[in-house]
Amino acid sequence: MKEAFIKLHISILIAGMTGVFGKLITLNEALLVWYRLLIASILFFSMLAYKKKLHAIDVHSFLKIAGTGCLLCLHWIFFYGSIKASNVSIGVVCFSLVGFFTALLEPILLKRRFFFRELMYSCLTLTGIILIFHFDTRYRLGIGLGVVSSMLAALFTITNKKVSANYPTSCVLFYEMIGGFICISCILPIYFHLFDTSFKVSSATDFTYLFLLASICTIGMYLLQIEVLKKISAFTVNLSYNLEPVYSILIAMALFGEAKELNFAFYAGLGCIILSVILQTLNVTRQKKLQTLEE
């Protein structure tokens, strides 16, 4: 069990590195996502083919899963756009709004009732973002892109629940990557037309970072999660992943000295977000205990 928890926190640390690679790679956000999906899709296809776990699906199912992959692709574009327009800390803090958008959109899309407590906790996160947005005008574009990114991430999470019910997780993830790659390939020509950018990777360093992002932060993290879920409940894993933004911010501060760029408004907003995460964690833990007692 101790080994499983070590692997869990390694996977969270890897997840926290995703935003850091977005800062290290000099490519624009769209080209970064294109290469990430291309490399990850090739590696994942090779892995599934080697293990004989590649499942064929019908066209209708592929279109649904690929459509969900388009949401993942768009989320990544806005996420990395947020980081490049501001910094890693702002990008990952805005990502914390996923809970707010999930609490708002899930009852509408899945036709279930609203939970007032979920909305209340999520509004505390929203207050944190507003504090940063209002008092720190330098990063308004980055914050705006980050908010859109978190909304797309929430939509991806919600729709992923609907399309993944009848297929193995690995199969769904692979076809989502394919859908995301098709989506970004359609977007790139428009992106090139609007922005003066080059298709090629500018340096060997960029390619190395792209390979690490696609292999370790995408495929590697997924494989670690599978190993961890064999020993630890999904409930514990999901709660533990609340630490991801904290890891990202600490790494960014160590590597890029971002602490110097952040003012009191950021830390006040971050305090609201951390409080929201703590309250949500306590609430979910309490509900889980009650459910266990009832059973």
C-alpha atoms as a PDB file:
ATOM      1  CA  MET A   1       0.000   0.000   0.000  1.00  0.00           C
ATOM      2  CA  LYS A   2       2.881   2.378   0.788  1.00  0.00           C
ATOM      3  CA  GLU A   3       4.297   1.804  -2.712  1.00  0.00           C
ATOM      4  CA  ALA A   4       0.895   2.597  -4.242  1.00  0.00           C
ATOM      5  CA  PHE A   5       0.712   5.936  -2.409  1.00  0.00           C
ATOM      6  CA  ILE A   6       4.235   6.796  -3.574  1.00  0.00           C
ATOM      7  CA  LYS A   7       3.174   6.062  -7.166  1.00  0.00           C
ATOM      8  CA  LEU A   8       0.033   8.169  -6.649  1.00  0.00           C
ATOM      9  CA  HIS A   9       2.017  11.229  -5.616  1.00  0.00           C
ATOM     10  CA  ILE A  10       4.524  10.672  -8.421  1.00  0.00           C
ATOM     11  CA  SER A  11       1.591  10.726 -10.864  1.00  0.00           C
ATOM     12  CA  ILE A  12       0.289  13.963  -9.274  1.00  0.00           C
ATOM     13  CA  LEU A  13       3.769  15.483  -9.525  1.00  0.00           C
ATOM     14  CA  ILE A  14       3.897  14.475 -13.204  1.00  0.00           C
ATOM     15  CA  ALA A  15       0.482  16.074 -13.723  1.00  0.00           C
ATOM     16  CA  GLY A  16       1.832  19.221 -12.088  1.00  0.00           C
ATOM     17  CA  MET A  17       4.691  19.257 -14.618  1.00  0.00           C
ATOM     18  CA  THR A  18       2.246  19.573 -17.539  1.00  0.00           C
ATOM     19  CA  GLY A  19       1.896  23.323 -17.085  1.00  0.00           C
ATOM     20  CA  VAL A  20       5.655  23.718 -16.560  1.00  0.00           C
ATOM     21  CA  PHE A  21       6.371  22.097 -19.943  1.00  0.00           C
ATOM     22  CA  GLY A  22       3.886  24.550 -21.453  1.00  0.00           C
ATOM     23  CA  LYS A  23       6.160  27.351 -20.250  1.00  0.00           C
ATOM     24  CA  LEU A  24       9.427  25.630 -21.243  1.00  0.00           C
ATOM     25  CA  ILE A  25       8.331  24.816 -24.818  1.00  0.00           C
ATOM     26  CA  THR A  26       8.716  27.882 -27.046  1.00  0.00           C
ATOM     27  CA  LEU A  27       6.098  26.795 -29.628  1.00  0.00           C
ATOM     28  CA  ASN A  28       2.722  28.526 -29.641  1.00  0.00           C
ATOM     29  CA  GLU A  29      -0.107  26.761 -27.816  1.00  0.00           C
ATOM     30  CA  ALA A  30      -1.801  25.268 -30.936  1.00  0.00           C
ATOM     31  CA  LEU A  31       1.380  23.766 -32.370  1.00  0.00           C
ATOM     32  CA  LEU A  32       2.362  22.482 -28.916  1.00  0.00           C
ATOM     33  CA  VAL A  33      -0.962  20.629 -28.623  1.00  0.00           C
ATOM     34  CA  TRP A  34      -0.634  19.271 -32.195  1.00  0.00           C
ATOM     35  CA  TYR A  35       2.754  17.709 -31.444  1.00  0.00           C
ATOM     36  CA  ARG A  36       1.635  16.467 -28.025  1.00  0.00           C
ATOM     37  CA  LEU A  37      -1.355  14.638 -29.506  1.00  0.00           C
ATOM     38  CA  LEU A  38       0.648  13.288 -32.460  1.00  0.00           C
ATOM     39  CA  ILE A  39       3.434  11.837 -30.315  1.00  0.00           C
ATOM     40  CA  ALA A  40       1.069  10.582 -27.587  1.00  0.00           C
ATOM     41  CA  SER A  41      -1.237   8.913 -30.145  1.00  0.00           C
ATOM     42  CA  ILE A  42       1.668   7.077 -31.813  1.00  0.00           C
ATOM     43  CA  LEU A  43       3.091   5.924 -28.463  1.00  0.00           C
ATOM     44  CA  PHE A  44      -0.326   4.879 -27.128  1.00  0.00           C
ATOM     45  CA  PHE A  45      -1.206   3.016 -30.345  1.00  0.00           C
ATOM     46  CA  SER A  46       2.106   1.123 -30.144  1.00  0.00           C
ATOM     47  CA  MET A  47       1.494   0.222 -26.513  1.00  0.00           C
ATOM     48  CA  LEU A  48      -2.085  -0.995 -27.071  1.00  0.00           C
ATOM     49  CA  ALA A  49      -1.127  -2.941 -30.217  1.00  0.00           C
ATOM     50  CA  TYR A  50       1.775  -4.621 -28.373  1.00  0.00           C
ATOM     51  CA  LYS A  51      -0.510  -5.638 -25.490  1.00  0.00           C
ATOM     52  CA  LYS A  52      -3.302  -6.596 -27.937  1.00  0.00           C
ATOM     53  CA  LYS A  53      -5.743  -4.244 -26.207  1.00  0.00           C
ATOM     54  CA  LEU A  54      -6.681  -2.203 -29.263  1.00  0.00           C
ATOM     55  CA  HIS A  55     -10.457  -2.524 -29.754  1.00  0.00           C
ATOM     56  CA  ALA A  56     -12.335  -1.653 -32.934  1.00  0.00           C
ATOM     57  CA  ILE A  57     -15.519   0.394 -32.469  1.00  0.00           C
ATOM     58  CA  ASP A  58     -18.401   1.353 -34.750  1.00  0.00           C
ATOM     59  CA  VAL A  59     -18.465   4.690 -36.588  1.00  0.00           C
ATOM     60  CA  HIS A  60     -21.196   6.200 -34.402  1.00  0.00           C
ATOM     61  CA  SER A  61     -19.293   5.433 -31.199  1.00  0.00           C
ATOM     62  CA  PHE A  62     -16.051   6.724 -32.725  1.00  0.00           C
ATOM     63  CA  LEU A  63     -17.684  10.038 -33.615  1.00  0.00           C
ATOM     64  CA  LYS A  64     -18.995  10.463 -30.060  1.00  0.00           C
ATOM     65  CA  ILE A  65     -15.653   9.616 -28.467  1.00  0.00           C
ATOM     66  CA  ALA A  66     -13.689  11.665 -31.011  1.00  0.00           C
ATOM     67  CA  GLY A  67     -16.006  14.616 -30.351  1.00  0.00           C
ATOM     68  CA  THR A  68     -15.127  14.386 -26.676  1.00  0.00           C
ATOM     69  CA  GLY A  69     -11.472  14.358 -27.706  1.00  0.00           C
ATOM     70  CA  CYS A  70     -12.072  17.667 -29.506  1.00  0.00           C
ATOM     71  CA  LEU A  71     -13.081  19.179 -26.160  1.00  0.00           C
ATOM     72  CA  LEU A  72      -9.843  17.873 -24.623  1.00  0.00           C
ATOM     73  CA  CYS A  73      -7.854  19.387 -27.500  1.00  0.00           C
ATOM     74  CA  LEU A  74      -9.546  22.801 -27.127  1.00  0.00           C
ATOM     75  CA  HIS A  75      -9.034  22.703 -23.354  1.00  0.00           C
ATOM     76  CA  TRP A  76      -5.303  22.146 -23.845  1.00  0.00           C
ATOM     77  CA  ILE A  77      -5.061  24.997 -26.383  1.00  0.00           C
ATOM     78  CA  PHE A  78      -6.659  27.484 -23.986  1.00  0.00           C
ATOM     79  CA  PHE A  79      -4.732  26.096 -20.996  1.00  0.00           C
ATOM     80  CA  TYR A  80      -1.358  26.560 -22.666  1.00  0.00           C
ATOM     81  CA  GLY A  81      -2.505  29.873 -24.135  1.00  0.00           C
ATOM     82  CA  SER A  82      -3.262  31.027 -20.585  1.00  0.00           C
ATOM     83  CA  ILE A  83       0.210  30.017 -19.378  1.00  0.00           C
ATOM     84  CA  LYS A  84       1.957  31.719 -22.297  1.00  0.00           C
ATOM     85  CA  ALA A  85      -0.095  34.910 -21.821  1.00  0.00           C
ATOM     86  CA  SER A  86       0.656  35.005 -18.067  1.00  0.00           C
ATOM     87  CA  ASN A  87       2.560  32.309 -16.156  1.00  0.00           C
ATOM     88  CA  VAL A  88       2.194  28.747 -14.848  1.00  0.00           C
ATOM     89  CA  SER A  89       0.750  29.830 -11.482  1.00  0.00           C
ATOM     90  CA  ILE A  90      -2.074  31.841 -13.101  1.00  0.00           C
ATOM     91  CA  GLY A  91      -2.841  29.029 -15.567  1.00  0.00           C
ATOM     92  CA  VAL A  92      -3.171  26.300 -12.934  1.00  0.00           C
ATOM     93  CA  VAL A  93      -5.089  28.526 -10.493  1.00  0.00           C
ATOM     94  CA  CYS A  94      -7.674  29.269 -13.200  1.00  0.00           C
ATOM     95  CA  PHE A  95      -7.875  25.517 -13.839  1.00  0.00           C
ATOM     96  CA  SER A  96      -9.283  25.216 -10.306  1.00  0.00           C
ATOM     97  CA  LEU A  97     -12.548  26.619 -11.726  1.00  0.00           C
ATOM     98  CA  VAL A  98     -13.267  23.186 -13.235  1.00  0.00           C
ATOM     99  CA  GLY A  99     -15.223  22.353 -10.049  1.00  0.00           C
ATOM    100  CA  PHE A 100     -17.362  25.496 -10.433  1.00  0.00           C
ATOM    101  CA  PHE A 101     -18.234  24.783 -14.075  1.00  0.00           C
ATOM    102  CA  THR A 102     -18.842  21.095 -13.323  1.00  0.00           C
ATOM    103  CA  ALA A 103     -21.261  21.981 -10.499  1.00  0.00           C
ATOM    104  CA  LEU A 104     -23.014  24.394 -12.858  1.00  0.00           C
ATOM    105  CA  LEU A 105     -23.101  22.357 -16.081  1.00  0.00           C
ATOM    106  CA  GLU A 106     -23.384  18.728 -14.923  1.00  0.00           C
ATOM    107  CA  PRO A 107     -26.961  19.042 -13.563  1.00  0.00           C
ATOM    108  CA  ILE A 108     -28.016  20.672 -16.865  1.00  0.00           C
ATOM    109  CA  LEU A 109     -26.311  18.181 -19.196  1.00  0.00           C
ATOM    110  CA  LEU A 110     -26.958  15.019 -17.143  1.00  0.00           C
ATOM    111  CA  LYS A 111     -30.400  16.179 -15.982  1.00  0.00           C
ATOM    112  CA  ARG A 112     -29.833  15.820 -12.252  1.00  0.00           C
ATOM    113  CA  ARG A 113     -30.691  18.248  -9.484  1.00  0.00           C
ATOM    114  CA  PHE A 114     -28.359  21.065  -8.444  1.00  0.00           C
ATOM    115  CA  PHE A 115     -26.457  20.646  -5.190  1.00  0.00           C
ATOM    116  CA  PHE A 116     -26.353  23.982  -3.388  1.00  0.00           C
ATOM    117  CA  ARG A 117     -23.275  23.038  -1.355  1.00  0.00           C
ATOM    118  CA  GLU A 118     -21.277  22.211  -4.507  1.00  0.00           C
ATOM    119  CA  LEU A 119     -22.181  25.589  -5.996  1.00  0.00           C
ATOM    120  CA  MET A 120     -21.327  27.392  -2.746  1.00  0.00           C
ATOM    121  CA  TYR A 121     -17.851  25.829  -2.545  1.00  0.00           C
ATOM    122  CA  SER A 122     -17.263  26.477  -6.228  1.00  0.00           C
ATOM    123  CA  CYS A 123     -18.299  30.122  -5.841  1.00  0.00           C
ATOM    124  CA  LEU A 124     -15.524  30.449  -3.255  1.00  0.00           C
ATOM    125  CA  THR A 125     -13.081  29.385  -5.989  1.00  0.00           C
ATOM    126  CA  LEU A 126     -14.700  31.919  -8.328  1.00  0.00           C
ATOM    127  CA  THR A 127     -14.188  34.619  -5.679  1.00  0.00           C
ATOM    128  CA  GLY A 128     -10.484  33.757  -5.621  1.00  0.00           C
ATOM    129  CA  ILE A 129     -10.214  34.171  -9.409  1.00  0.00           C
ATOM    130  CA  ILE A 130     -12.113  37.483  -9.281  1.00  0.00           C
ATOM    131  CA  LEU A 131      -9.736  38.768  -6.589  1.00  0.00           C
ATOM    132  CA  ILE A 132      -6.733  38.033  -8.795  1.00  0.00           C
ATOM    133  CA  PHE A 133      -8.443  39.362 -11.936  1.00  0.00           C
ATOM    134  CA  HIS A 134      -9.563  42.624 -10.334  1.00  0.00           C
ATOM    135  CA  PHE A 135      -6.365  43.587  -8.546  1.00  0.00           C
ATOM    136  CA  ASP A 136      -3.718  42.220 -10.915  1.00  0.00           C
ATOM    137  CA  THR A 137      -4.383  43.720 -14.360  1.00  0.00           C
ATOM    138  CA  ARG A 138      -1.164  42.331 -15.894  1.00  0.00           C
ATOM    139  CA  TYR A 139      -2.588  38.868 -16.393  1.00  0.00           C
ATOM    140  CA  ARG A 140      -6.168  39.529 -17.498  1.00  0.00           C
ATOM    141  CA  LEU A 141      -5.722  37.886 -20.902  1.00  0.00           C
ATOM    142  CA  GLY A 142      -4.113  34.840 -19.284  1.00  0.00           C
ATOM    143  CA  ILE A 143      -6.913  34.648 -16.708  1.00  0.00           C
ATOM    144  CA  GLY A 144      -9.573  34.961 -19.415  1.00  0.00           C
ATOM    145  CA  LEU A 145      -8.026  32.118 -21.435  1.00  0.00           C
ATOM    146  CA  GLY A 146      -7.657  30.070 -18.241  1.00  0.00           C
ATOM    147  CA  VAL A 147     -11.346  30.475 -17.398  1.00  0.00           C
ATOM    148  CA  VAL A 148     -12.355  29.243 -20.873  1.00  0.00           C
ATOM    149  CA  SER A 149      -9.878  26.355 -20.451  1.00  0.00           C
ATOM    150  CA  SER A 150     -11.478  25.276 -17.170  1.00  0.00           C
ATOM    151  CA  MET A 151     -14.983  25.424 -18.692  1.00  0.00           C
ATOM    152  CA  LEU A 152     -13.851  23.189 -21.576  1.00  0.00           C
ATOM    153  CA  ALA A 153     -12.190  20.799 -19.088  1.00  0.00           C
ATOM    154  CA  ALA A 154     -15.473  20.548 -17.158  1.00  0.00           C
ATOM    155  CA  LEU A 155     -17.387  19.824 -20.387  1.00  0.00           C
ATOM    156  CA  PHE A 156     -14.806  17.160 -21.280  1.00  0.00           C
ATOM    157  CA  THR A 157     -15.141  15.493 -17.859  1.00  0.00           C
ATOM    158  CA  ILE A 158     -18.948  15.462 -18.032  1.00  0.00           C
ATOM    159  CA  THR A 159     -19.202  14.162 -21.612  1.00  0.00           C
ATOM    160  CA  ASN A 160     -16.419  11.643 -20.978  1.00  0.00           C
ATOM    161  CA  LYS A 161     -18.633   9.985 -18.353  1.00  0.00           C
ATOM    162  CA  LYS A 162     -21.340   9.484 -20.972  1.00  0.00           C
ATOM    163  CA  VAL A 163     -19.189   8.105 -23.802  1.00  0.00           C
ATOM    164  CA  SER A 164     -16.849   5.897 -21.765  1.00  0.00           C
ATOM    165  CA  ALA A 165     -19.466   3.711 -20.083  1.00  0.00           C
ATOM    166  CA  ASN A 166     -19.389   0.831 -22.604  1.00  0.00           C
ATOM    167  CA  TYR A 167     -15.706   0.684 -23.533  1.00  0.00           C
ATOM    168  CA  PRO A 168     -12.355   0.081 -21.764  1.00  0.00           C
ATOM    169  CA  THR A 169     -10.732   3.256 -20.475  1.00  0.00           C
ATOM    170  CA  SER A 170      -7.612   2.745 -22.603  1.00  0.00           C
ATOM    171  CA  CYS A 171      -9.731   2.372 -25.752  1.00  0.00           C
ATOM    172  CA  VAL A 172     -11.668   5.564 -25.004  1.00  0.00           C
ATOM    173  CA  LEU A 173      -8.497   7.542 -24.258  1.00  0.00           C
ATOM    174  CA  PHE A 174      -6.863   6.422 -27.518  1.00  0.00           C
ATOM    175  CA  TYR A 175      -9.829   7.394 -29.703  1.00  0.00           C
ATOM    176  CA  GLU A 176     -10.164  10.685 -27.823  1.00  0.00           C
ATOM    177  CA  MET A 177      -6.533  11.416 -28.708  1.00  0.00           C
ATOM    178  CA  ILE A 178      -7.267  10.604 -32.355  1.00  0.00           C
ATOM    179  CA  GLY A 179     -10.310  12.905 -32.282  1.00  0.00           C
ATOM    180  CA  GLY A 180      -8.280  15.643 -30.635  1.00  0.00           C
ATOM    181  CA  PHE A 181      -5.511  15.275 -33.245  1.00  0.00           C
ATOM    182  CA  ILE A 182      -8.023  15.557 -36.118  1.00  0.00           C
ATOM    183  CA  CYS A 183      -9.520  18.639 -34.439  1.00  0.00           C
ATOM    184  CA  ILE A 184      -6.188  20.445 -33.955  1.00  0.00           C
ATOM    185  CA  SER A 185      -5.120  19.514 -37.518  1.00  0.00           C
ATOM    186  CA  CYS A 186      -8.236  21.326 -38.814  1.00  0.00           C
ATOM    187  CA  ILE A 187      -7.574  24.333 -36.572  1.00  0.00           C
ATOM    188  CA  LEU A 188      -3.873  24.789 -37.417  1.00  0.00           C
ATOM    189  CA  PRO A 189      -4.320  26.276 -40.952  1.00  0.00           C
ATOM    190  CA  ILE A 190      -6.667  28.926 -39.506  1.00  0.00           C
ATOM    191  CA  TYR A 191      -4.199  29.522 -36.680  1.00  0.00           C
ATOM    192  CA  PHE A 192      -1.343  29.982 -39.162  1.00  0.00           C
ATOM    193  CA  HIS A 193      -3.474  32.438 -41.140  1.00  0.00           C
ATOM    194  CA  LEU A 194      -4.300  34.528 -38.074  1.00  0.00           C
ATOM    195  CA  PHE A 195      -0.858  34.440 -36.445  1.00  0.00           C
ATOM    196  CA  ASP A 196       2.590  34.667 -37.952  1.00  0.00           C
ATOM    197  CA  THR A 197       3.990  31.319 -36.866  1.00  0.00           C
ATOM    198  CA  SER A 198       6.141  28.465 -38.146  1.00  0.00           C
ATOM    199  CA  PHE A 199       5.179  24.786 -38.319  1.00  0.00           C
ATOM    200  CA  LYS A 200       8.613  23.423 -37.517  1.00  0.00           C
ATOM    201  CA  VAL A 201       9.994  22.690 -34.050  1.00  0.00           C
ATOM    202  CA  SER A 202      12.450  25.499 -33.386  1.00  0.00           C
ATOM    203  CA  SER A 203      15.058  23.492 -31.468  1.00  0.00           C
ATOM    204  CA  ALA A 204      16.125  20.045 -30.273  1.00  0.00           C
ATOM    205  CA  THR A 205      15.335  21.225 -26.743  1.00  0.00           C
ATOM    206  CA  ASP A 206      11.710  21.897 -27.722  1.00  0.00           C
ATOM    207  CA  PHE A 207      11.405  18.429 -29.267  1.00  0.00           C
ATOM    208  CA  THR A 208      12.853  16.847 -26.122  1.00  0.00           C
ATOM    209  CA  TYR A 209      10.337  18.701 -23.950  1.00  0.00           C
ATOM    210  CA  LEU A 210       7.505  17.717 -26.341  1.00  0.00           C
ATOM    211  CA  PHE A 211       8.508  14.054 -26.171  1.00  0.00           C
ATOM    212  CA  LEU A 212       8.645  14.161 -22.358  1.00  0.00           C
ATOM    213  CA  LEU A 213       5.252  15.921 -22.252  1.00  0.00           C
ATOM    214  CA  ALA A 214       3.637  13.333 -24.534  1.00  0.00           C
ATOM    215  CA  SER A 215       5.322  10.251 -23.079  1.00  0.00           C
ATOM    216  CA  ILE A 216       5.674  10.940 -19.340  1.00  0.00           C
ATOM    217  CA  CYS A 217       2.946  13.535 -18.686  1.00  0.00           C
ATOM    218  CA  THR A 218       0.362  11.819 -20.912  1.00  0.00           C
ATOM    219  CA  ILE A 219       1.033   8.081 -21.352  1.00  0.00           C
ATOM    220  CA  GLY A 220       3.229   7.621 -18.251  1.00  0.00           C
ATOM    221  CA  MET A 221       0.768   9.398 -15.965  1.00  0.00           C
ATOM    222  CA  TYR A 222      -2.107   7.291 -17.344  1.00  0.00           C
ATOM    223  CA  LEU A 223      -0.196   4.028 -16.740  1.00  0.00           C
ATOM    224  CA  LEU A 224       0.693   5.087 -13.189  1.00  0.00           C
ATOM    225  CA  GLN A 225      -2.964   5.864 -12.482  1.00  0.00           C
ATOM    226  CA  ILE A 226      -3.973   2.375 -13.637  1.00  0.00           C
ATOM    227  CA  GLU A 227      -1.391   0.814 -11.304  1.00  0.00           C
ATOM    228  CA  VAL A 228      -2.493   3.011  -8.387  1.00  0.00           C
ATOM    229  CA  LEU A 229      -6.206   2.247  -8.892  1.00  0.00           C
ATOM    230  CA  LYS A 230      -5.465  -1.461  -8.405  1.00  0.00           C
ATOM    231  CA  LYS A 231      -4.552  -0.730  -4.756  1.00  0.00           C
ATOM    232  CA  ILE A 232      -6.218   2.599  -3.888  1.00  0.00           C
ATOM    233  CA  SER A 233      -9.866   3.607  -4.370  1.00  0.00           C
ATOM    234  CA  ALA A 234     -10.849   6.047  -7.118  1.00  0.00           C
ATOM    235  CA  PHE A 235     -12.303   8.248  -4.357  1.00  0.00           C
ATOM    236  CA  THR A 236      -8.892   8.636  -2.661  1.00  0.00           C
ATOM    237  CA  VAL A 237      -7.130   9.183  -6.004  1.00  0.00           C
ATOM    238  CA  ASN A 238      -9.551  11.941  -7.045  1.00  0.00           C
ATOM    239  CA  LEU A 239      -9.200  13.739  -3.697  1.00  0.00           C
ATOM    240  CA  SER A 240      -5.414  13.502  -3.846  1.00  0.00           C
ATOM    241  CA  TYR A 241      -5.382  15.150  -7.275  1.00  0.00           C
ATOM    242  CA  ASN A 242      -6.567  18.366  -5.609  1.00  0.00           C
ATOM    243  CA  LEU A 243      -2.852  18.817  -4.842  1.00  0.00           C
ATOM    244  CA  GLU A 244      -1.973  19.125  -8.553  1.00  0.00           C
ATOM    245  CA  PRO A 245      -2.224  22.973  -8.756  1.00  0.00           C
ATOM    246  CA  VAL A 246      -0.167  23.274  -5.548  1.00  0.00           C
ATOM    247  CA  TYR A 247       2.594  21.080  -7.027  1.00  0.00           C
ATOM    248  CA  SER A 248       2.530  23.100 -10.276  1.00  0.00           C
ATOM    249  CA  ILE A 249       2.865  26.416  -8.457  1.00  0.00           C
ATOM    250  CA  LEU A 250       5.734  25.169  -6.265  1.00  0.00           C
ATOM    251  CA  ILE A 251       7.614  23.781  -9.287  1.00  0.00           C
ATOM    252  CA  ALA A 252       7.047  27.014 -11.261  1.00  0.00           C
ATOM    253  CA  MET A 253       8.310  29.091  -8.343  1.00  0.00           C
ATOM    254  CA  ALA A 254      11.433  26.942  -8.097  1.00  0.00           C
ATOM    255  CA  LEU A 255      12.182  26.880 -11.840  1.00  0.00           C
ATOM    256  CA  PHE A 256      11.019  30.298 -13.032  1.00  0.00           C
ATOM    257  CA  GLY A 257      11.090  32.400  -9.861  1.00  0.00           C
ATOM    258  CA  GLU A 258       7.387  33.184 -10.280  1.00  0.00           C
ATOM    259  CA  ALA A 259       7.064  34.167  -6.616  1.00  0.00           C
ATOM    260  CA  LYS A 260       8.576  37.538  -7.604  1.00  0.00           C
ATOM    261  CA  GLU A 261       5.844  38.109 -10.200  1.00  0.00           C
ATOM    262  CA  LEU A 262       2.929  37.424  -7.858  1.00  0.00           C
ATOM    263  CA  ASN A 263       1.371  40.014  -5.555  1.00  0.00           C
ATOM    264  CA  PHE A 264      -0.934  39.962  -2.518  1.00  0.00           C
ATOM    265  CA  ALA A 265      -4.054  39.631  -4.712  1.00  0.00           C
ATOM    266  CA  PHE A 266      -2.758  36.333  -6.102  1.00  0.00           C
ATOM    267  CA  TYR A 267      -2.097  34.862  -2.664  1.00  0.00           C
ATOM    268  CA  ALA A 268      -5.471  36.096  -1.336  1.00  0.00           C
ATOM    269  CA  GLY A 269      -7.214  34.502  -4.325  1.00  0.00           C
ATOM    270  CA  LEU A 270      -5.165  31.326  -3.937  1.00  0.00           C
ATOM    271  CA  GLY A 271      -6.187  31.210  -0.259  1.00  0.00           C
ATOM    272  CA  CYS A 272      -9.875  31.246  -1.278  1.00  0.00           C
ATOM    273  CA  ILE A 273      -9.265  28.442  -3.777  1.00  0.00           C
ATOM    274  CA  ILE A 274      -7.382  26.280  -1.257  1.00  0.00           C
ATOM    275  CA  LEU A 275     -10.164  26.848   1.301  1.00  0.00           C
ATOM    276  CA  SER A 276     -12.706  25.763  -1.302  1.00  0.00           C
ATOM    277  CA  VAL A 277     -10.724  22.575  -2.031  1.00  0.00           C
ATOM    278  CA  ILE A 278     -10.454  21.783   1.705  1.00  0.00           C
ATOM    279  CA  LEU A 279     -14.206  22.305   2.265  1.00  0.00           C
ATOM    280  CA  GLN A 280     -15.092  20.178  -0.780  1.00  0.00           C
ATOM    281  CA  THR A 281     -12.725  17.435   0.391  1.00  0.00           C
ATOM    282  CA  LEU A 282     -14.235  17.425   3.894  1.00  0.00           C
ATOM    283  CA  ASN A 283     -17.750  17.362   2.445  1.00  0.00           C
ATOM    284  CA  VAL A 284     -17.020  14.441   0.086  1.00  0.00           C
ATOM    285  CA  THR A 285     -15.238  12.562   2.890  1.00  0.00           C
ATOM    286  CA  ARG A 286     -18.233  13.049   5.204  1.00  0.00           C
ATOM    287  CA  GLN A 287     -20.656  11.843   2.518  1.00  0.00           C
ATOM    288  CA  LYS A 288     -18.473   8.803   1.860  1.00  0.00           C
ATOM    289  CA  LYS A 289     -18.488   7.898   5.580  1.00  0.00           C
ATOM    290  CA  LEU A 290     -22.278   8.261   5.777  1.00  0.00           C
ATOM    291  CA  GLN A 291     -22.669   6.076   2.690  1.00  0.00           C
ATOM    292  CA  THR A 292     -20.415   3.424   4.245  1.00  0.00           C
ATOM    293  CA  LEU A 293     -22.406   3.457   7.499  1.00  0.00           C
ATOM    294  CA  GLU A 294     -25.697   3.093   5.599  1.00  0.00           C
ATOM    295  CA  GLU A 295     -24.341   0.077   3.726  1.00  0.00           C
END
